[in-house]
C-alpha atoms as a PDB file:
ATOM      1  CA  MET A   1     -19.588   7.822   3.536  1.00  0.00           C
ATOM      2  CA  HIS A   2     -16.730   5.143   4.098  1.00  0.00           C
ATOM      3  CA  GLN A   3     -14.317   3.991   1.762  1.00  0.00           C
ATOM      4  CA  GLU A   4     -12.104   1.261   1.218  1.00  0.00           C
ATOM      5  CA  ILE A   5      -9.388   0.254  -1.029  1.00  0.00           C
ATOM      6  CA  ILE A   6      -9.516  -3.309  -1.298  1.00  0.00           C
ATOM      7  CA  LEU A   7      -6.369  -5.726  -2.447  1.00  0.00           C
ATOM      8  CA  LEU A   8      -6.896  -8.798  -3.303  1.00  0.00           C
ATOM      9  CA  VAL A   9      -3.115 -10.929  -2.155  1.00  0.00           C
ATOM     10  CA  ASN A  10      -2.301 -14.654  -2.371  1.00  0.00           C
ATOM     11  CA  SER A  11       0.375 -14.455   0.514  1.00  0.00           C
ATOM     12  CA  LEU A  12      -1.925 -12.368   3.399  1.00  0.00           C
ATOM     13  CA  ASP A  13       0.594 -13.047   5.728  1.00  0.00           C
ATOM     14  CA  LEU A  14       3.398 -11.048   3.714  1.00  0.00           C
ATOM     15  CA  CYS A  15       1.006  -8.039   2.869  1.00  0.00           C
ATOM     16  CA  ARG A  16       0.537  -8.084   6.189  1.00  0.00           C
ATOM     17  CA  PHE A  17       3.500  -7.160   7.359  1.00  0.00           C
ATOM     18  CA  PHE A  18       4.477  -4.815   4.444  1.00  0.00           C
ATOM     19  CA  TYR A  19       1.206  -2.347   4.643  1.00  0.00           C
ATOM     20  CA  ARG A  20       2.563  -2.554   8.736  1.00  0.00           C
ATOM     21  CA  GLU A  21       5.941  -2.237   9.141  1.00  0.00           C
ATOM     22  CA  THR A  22       7.585  -0.780   6.234  1.00  0.00           C
ATOM     23  CA  LEU A  23       4.353   1.452   5.646  1.00  0.00           C
ATOM     24  CA  LYS A  24       3.786   2.174   9.006  1.00  0.00           C
ATOM     25  CA  LEU A  25       0.248   1.534   8.507  1.00  0.00           C
ATOM     26  CA  GLY A  26       0.253  -0.041  12.505  1.00  0.00           C
ATOM     27  CA  GLU A  27      -2.183  -2.635  13.695  1.00  0.00           C
ATOM     28  CA  PRO A  28      -5.087  -3.725  12.276  1.00  0.00           C
ATOM     29  CA  VAL A  29      -8.257  -2.949  12.976  1.00  0.00           C
ATOM     30  CA  ILE A  30      -9.436  -6.696  11.787  1.00  0.00           C
ATOM     31  CA  ASP A  31      -6.691  -9.112  11.521  1.00  0.00           C
ATOM     32  CA  SER A  32      -8.056 -13.239  10.606  1.00  0.00           C
ATOM     33  CA  SER A  33      -6.779 -15.298   7.839  1.00  0.00           C
ATOM     34  CA  GLU A  34      -9.190 -14.145   5.171  1.00  0.00           C
ATOM     35  CA  SER A  35      -8.882 -10.907   5.381  1.00  0.00           C
ATOM     36  CA  VAL A  36      -6.652  -7.446   7.470  1.00  0.00           C
ATOM     37  CA  VAL A  37      -8.219  -3.756   7.827  1.00  0.00           C
ATOM     38  CA  PHE A  38      -5.860  -1.072   7.759  1.00  0.00           C
ATOM     39  CA  LYS A  39      -7.797   2.232   9.040  1.00  0.00           C
ATOM     40  CA  LEU A  40      -5.774   4.563   6.737  1.00  0.00           C
ATOM     41  CA  GLY A  41      -8.463   7.719   7.780  1.00  0.00           C
ATOM     42  CA  GLU A  42     -12.269   8.396   9.550  1.00  0.00           C
ATOM     43  CA  ASN A  43     -14.003   7.161   6.964  1.00  0.00           C
ATOM     44  CA  CYS A  44     -11.135   5.198   4.215  1.00  0.00           C
ATOM     45  CA  SER A  45     -10.277   1.549   4.968  1.00  0.00           C
ATOM     46  CA  LEU A  46      -7.213  -0.866   3.382  1.00  0.00           C
ATOM     47  CA  VAL A  47      -8.296  -4.540   3.286  1.00  0.00           C
ATOM     48  CA  LEU A  48      -6.125  -7.047   1.671  1.00  0.00           C
ATOM     49  CA  GLU A  49      -8.220 -10.115   1.190  1.00  0.00           C
ATOM     50  CA  ALA A  50      -6.960 -13.348   1.119  1.00  0.00           C
ATOM     51  CA  THR A  51      -7.174 -15.297  -3.033  1.00  0.00           C
ATOM     52  CA  THR A  52      -5.883 -17.823  -3.820  1.00  0.00           C
ATOM     53  CA  ALA A  53      -6.858 -16.608  -7.418  1.00  0.00           C
ATOM     54  CA  LYS A  54      -3.472 -17.648  -9.980  1.00  0.00           C
ATOM     55  CA  TYR A  55      -5.150 -14.562 -12.584  1.00  0.00           C
ATOM     56  CA  LEU A  56      -4.408 -11.429 -10.864  1.00  0.00           C
ATOM     57  CA  GLU A  57      -2.929  -9.004 -12.890  1.00  0.00           C
ATOM     58  CA  HIS A  58      -1.090  -6.962 -10.428  1.00  0.00           C
ATOM     59  CA  THR A  59       1.818  -4.651 -12.210  1.00  0.00           C
ATOM     60  CA  SER A  60      -0.999  -4.223 -15.525  1.00  0.00           C
ATOM     61  CA  SER A  61      -4.016  -2.632 -13.328  1.00  0.00           C
ATOM     62  CA  ALA A  62      -5.509  -0.040 -14.406  1.00  0.00           C
ATOM     63  CA  VAL A  63      -6.764   1.240 -11.182  1.00  0.00           C
ATOM     64  CA  SER A  64      -4.262   2.689  -8.535  1.00  0.00           C
ATOM     65  CA  TRP A  65      -4.561   4.229  -4.887  1.00  0.00           C
ATOM     66  CA  SER A  66      -2.762   6.989  -3.693  1.00  0.00           C
ATOM     67  CA  ILE A  67      -1.644   7.217   0.754  1.00  0.00           C
ATOM     68  CA  GLU A  68      -0.294   9.414   2.454  1.00  0.00           C
ATOM     69  CA  VAL A  69       3.322   8.931   4.689  1.00  0.00           C
ATOM     70  CA  GLU A  70       4.308  10.236   7.898  1.00  0.00           C
ATOM     71  CA  ASP A  71       8.319   9.520   7.235  1.00  0.00           C
ATOM     72  CA  PHE A  72       8.605  10.254   3.730  1.00  0.00           C
ATOM     73  CA  ASP A  73      12.529   9.613   3.356  1.00  0.00           C
ATOM     74  CA  THR A  74      12.609   6.954   5.557  1.00  0.00           C
ATOM     75  CA  ILE A  75       9.997   4.664   3.702  1.00  0.00           C
ATOM     76  CA  CYS A  76      10.928   5.519   0.618  1.00  0.00           C
ATOM     77  CA  ALA A  77      14.761   3.928   1.232  1.00  0.00           C
ATOM     78  CA  GLU A  78      13.155   1.239   3.018  1.00  0.00           C
ATOM     79  CA  LEU A  79      11.145   0.912  -0.592  1.00  0.00           C
ATOM     80  CA  LYS A  80      13.754   1.096  -2.780  1.00  0.00           C
ATOM     81  CA  LYS A  81      16.461  -1.472  -0.138  1.00  0.00           C
ATOM     82  CA  ASN A  82      13.507  -4.041  -0.869  1.00  0.00           C
ATOM     83  CA  GLY A  83      12.854  -3.514  -4.756  1.00  0.00           C
ATOM     84  CA  ASN A  84       9.344  -2.283  -3.938  1.00  0.00           C
ATOM     85  CA  THR A  85      10.012   1.087  -5.379  1.00  0.00           C
ATOM     86  CA  SER A  86       9.294   1.252  -9.528  1.00  0.00           C
ATOM     87  CA  GLY A  87      10.748   5.260 -11.731  1.00  0.00           C
ATOM     88  CA  GLU A  88      12.035   7.989  -9.941  1.00  0.00           C
ATOM     89  CA  GLU A  89      10.294  10.682  -7.291  1.00  0.00           C
ATOM     90  CA  PHE A  90       7.911  13.137  -9.154  1.00  0.00           C
ATOM     91  CA  ILE A  91       5.840  15.921  -7.649  1.00  0.00           C
ATOM     92  CA  ARG A  92       1.931  15.295  -8.019  1.00  0.00           C
ATOM     93  CA  PHE A  93      -0.481  17.513  -6.670  1.00  0.00           C
ATOM     94  CA  GLY A  94       2.172  20.012  -5.261  1.00  0.00           C
ATOM     95  CA  ARG A  95       3.486  16.855  -2.728  1.00  0.00           C
ATOM     96  CA  ARG A  96       6.543  14.059  -3.497  1.00  0.00           C
ATOM     97  CA  THR A  97       5.602  11.215  -4.770  1.00  0.00           C
ATOM     98  CA  ARG A  98       6.858   7.918  -5.584  1.00  0.00           C
ATOM     99  CA  ARG A  99       5.203   4.731  -7.464  1.00  0.00           C
ATOM    100  CA  VAL A 100       5.508   1.906  -5.530  1.00  0.00           C
ATOM    101  CA  CYS A 101       4.571  -2.342  -4.932  1.00  0.00           C
ATOM    102  CA  ASP A 102       3.762  -4.063  -2.516  1.00  0.00           C
ATOM    103  CA  PRO A 103       5.388  -7.630  -2.546  1.00  0.00           C
ATOM    104  CA  GLU A 104       2.457  -9.289  -4.215  1.00  0.00           C
ATOM    105  CA  SER A 105       3.281  -6.247  -7.055  1.00  0.00           C
ATOM    106  CA  ASN A 106       0.302  -4.777  -6.730  1.00  0.00           C
ATOM    107  CA  PRO A 107       1.012  -0.620  -7.662  1.00  0.00           C
ATOM    108  CA  PHE A 108       0.165   2.420  -5.915  1.00  0.00           C
ATOM    109  CA  TYR A 109       1.347   6.118  -5.428  1.00  0.00           C
ATOM    110  CA  ILE A 110       3.212   6.700  -1.218  1.00  0.00           C
ATOM    111  CA  THR A 111       3.578  10.964  -0.692  1.00  0.00           C
ATOM    112  CA  ALA A 112       4.736  13.010   0.886  1.00  0.00           C
ATOM    113  CA  LYS A 113       2.612  15.472   3.653  1.00  0.00           C
ATOM    114  CA  SER A 114       1.896  18.438   2.884  1.00  0.00           C
ATOM    115  CA  ASN A 115       3.338  21.391   4.435  1.00  0.00           C
END
């Protein structure tokens, strides 16, 4: 079964750069003017879909998602420097976690790899 996390974004270029460079997701497997797809795992993708909708409620969304990152400390430092962090680091399911937002204030969690 394949799963997708789909984020509606107003600036596809800004968000593509953020997820590719800041979160180190690498080059997208699909990259067009309408959508960008990053492969997160064998059966999971992150899809950024361009929208011109002005009504989106980013920070108040009841839905969130989490991604495990390779170099948690380095990525956290860069996110903090750019103002993309929210709150302090905490432990979730036994792993270091931090709530962050992308450049359009879409909230999600980054989690350190488990040992």
